[in-house]
Protein backbone atom coordinates (compact mmCIF):
# COMPACT_ATOMS: atom_id res chain seq x y z
CA UNK A 1 132.84 75.29 64.58
CA UNK A 2 135.99 77.22 65.23
CA UNK A 3 136.93 77.67 61.41
CA UNK A 4 133.73 79.09 60.17
CA UNK A 5 134.27 81.41 57.37
CA UNK A 6 131.47 82.84 55.19
CA UNK A 7 132.04 80.67 52.11
CA UNK A 8 130.87 77.68 54.61
CA UNK A 9 128.24 79.57 56.64
CA UNK A 10 126.08 76.71 57.56
CA UNK A 11 122.26 77.96 55.93
CA UNK A 12 119.46 75.65 56.11
CA UNK A 13 118.52 73.76 59.40
CA UNK A 14 119.72 70.93 58.72
CA UNK A 15 123.43 72.50 58.00
CA UNK A 16 122.63 73.99 61.39
CA UNK A 17 121.47 70.88 63.04
CA UNK A 18 125.11 69.00 62.20
CA UNK A 19 126.96 71.98 63.44
CA UNK A 20 125.27 72.68 66.79
CA UNK A 21 124.66 70.41 68.78
CA UNK A 22 124.30 71.47 71.88
CA UNK A 23 120.91 73.31 73.23
CA UNK A 24 121.72 76.84 74.33
CA UNK A 25 125.34 77.30 73.63
CA UNK A 26 126.53 80.27 70.70
CA UNK A 27 128.13 78.50 67.92
CA UNK A 28 130.27 80.70 66.15
CA UNK A 29 129.44 80.68 62.12
CA UNK A 30 130.53 83.49 60.32
CA UNK A 31 132.28 86.60 61.17
CA UNK A 32 130.46 88.13 64.16
CA UNK A 33 127.78 86.08 63.34
CA UNK A 34 126.79 82.93 65.72
CA UNK A 35 123.85 80.27 65.72
CA UNK A 36 122.16 78.33 68.70
CA UNK A 37 119.87 75.58 69.51
CA UNK A 38 116.45 76.30 70.91
CA UNK A 39 113.64 74.10 71.69
CA UNK A 40 110.67 75.65 71.07
CA UNK A 41 106.85 74.55 70.54
CA UNK A 42 106.07 71.34 71.85
CA UNK A 43 109.78 69.84 71.25
CA UNK A 44 110.24 71.60 68.03
CA UNK A 45 113.77 72.70 67.26
CA UNK A 46 114.86 76.26 65.88
CA UNK A 47 117.79 77.57 65.41
CA UNK A 48 118.29 81.74 66.29
CA UNK A 49 120.97 83.17 64.53
CA UNK A 50 122.45 86.16 65.68
CA UNK A 51 124.79 88.93 63.99
CA UNK A 52 126.65 91.68 66.42
CA UNK A 53 124.37 90.21 68.83
CA UNK A 54 121.09 91.08 67.57
CA UNK A 55 118.89 88.28 66.68
CA UNK A 56 117.87 88.61 63.17
CA UNK A 57 116.57 85.20 61.87
CA UNK A 58 114.73 82.35 63.62
CA UNK A 59 115.50 79.05 61.45
CA UNK A 60 112.59 76.05 61.66
CA UNK A 61 112.88 73.43 59.71
CA UNK A 62 109.65 74.66 57.42
CA UNK A 63 110.51 78.30 57.42
CA UNK A 64 112.97 81.32 58.50
CA UNK A 65 111.17 84.17 60.44
CA UNK A 66 113.58 87.45 59.51
CA UNK A 67 114.28 90.90 60.88
CA UNK A 68 117.06 93.39 60.47
CA UNK A 69 116.88 95.00 64.12
CA UNK A 70 116.85 98.56 62.43
CA UNK A 71 120.42 97.63 61.34
CA UNK A 72 119.60 97.77 57.36
CA UNK A 73 123.40 97.21 56.36
CA UNK A 74 125.15 95.09 54.03
CA UNK A 75 126.42 92.70 56.52
CA UNK A 76 122.72 92.36 57.77
CA UNK A 77 121.74 91.43 54.48
CA UNK A 78 123.89 89.49 53.43
CA UNK A 79 123.13 87.20 56.23
CA UNK A 80 119.51 87.61 55.66
CA UNK A 81 119.92 86.53 52.07
CA UNK A 82 121.84 83.58 52.66
CA UNK A 83 118.90 82.23 55.20
CA UNK A 84 116.15 82.96 52.88
CA UNK A 85 117.91 81.72 49.92
CA UNK A 86 117.03 77.83 50.62
CA UNK A 87 113.10 78.70 50.77
CA UNK A 88 113.47 79.98 47.45
CA UNK A 89 113.39 83.80 48.85
CA UNK A 90 115.59 86.59 48.49
CA UNK A 91 115.90 89.85 50.26
CA UNK A 92 117.06 93.55 49.46
CA UNK A 93 117.48 96.92 50.40
CA UNK A 94 115.68 99.95 48.90
CA UNK A 95 115.40 103.56 50.18
CA UNK A 96 117.07 102.38 53.45
CA UNK A 97 113.91 99.94 54.22
CA UNK A 98 114.75 96.17 53.86
CA UNK A 99 112.08 93.75 51.75
CA UNK A 100 112.03 89.84 51.06
CA UNK A 101 110.42 87.90 48.25
CA UNK A 102 108.89 85.31 48.50
CA UNK A 103 108.92 82.28 46.30
CA UNK A 104 105.20 83.02 45.07
CA UNK A 105 106.74 86.48 44.19
CA UNK A 106 104.80 88.21 46.61
CA UNK A 107 107.17 91.02 48.08
CA UNK A 108 107.06 92.18 52.03
CA UNK A 109 109.06 94.89 54.26
CA UNK A 110 111.47 93.53 56.88
CA UNK A 111 110.89 95.33 60.10
CA UNK A 112 112.94 95.85 62.50
CA UNK A 113 110.70 94.38 65.52
CA UNK A 114 108.56 92.64 63.57
CA UNK A 115 109.15 89.13 62.18
CA UNK A 116 108.84 88.15 58.77
CA UNK A 117 108.73 84.57 57.55
CA UNK A 118 109.97 82.69 53.99
CA UNK A 119 108.28 79.03 54.11
């Protein structure tokens, strides 16, 4: 997808599945943002989303796992917000820390190394 813009950035598993067809090939889906198809756990497909080369999200059909890799920036949180929105969640930054609010209202911290999920 060489003409990717932030307005058309794929965010759901189904959209990523249409755009990223070859395994283990990084496809640009936005400015400094790439997606790569990976096969994990008994043939299940997931997409790794990288921003500036850092793995910030793993997108599965039923959930997304996110982390900020220590970069609590506007750009990082823009990408994370787009990826968790299809799951009814949102992310925000407060006092230098990232937070995710899940569909049920539960609020969790987003870590730099640990994965936080939204389903």
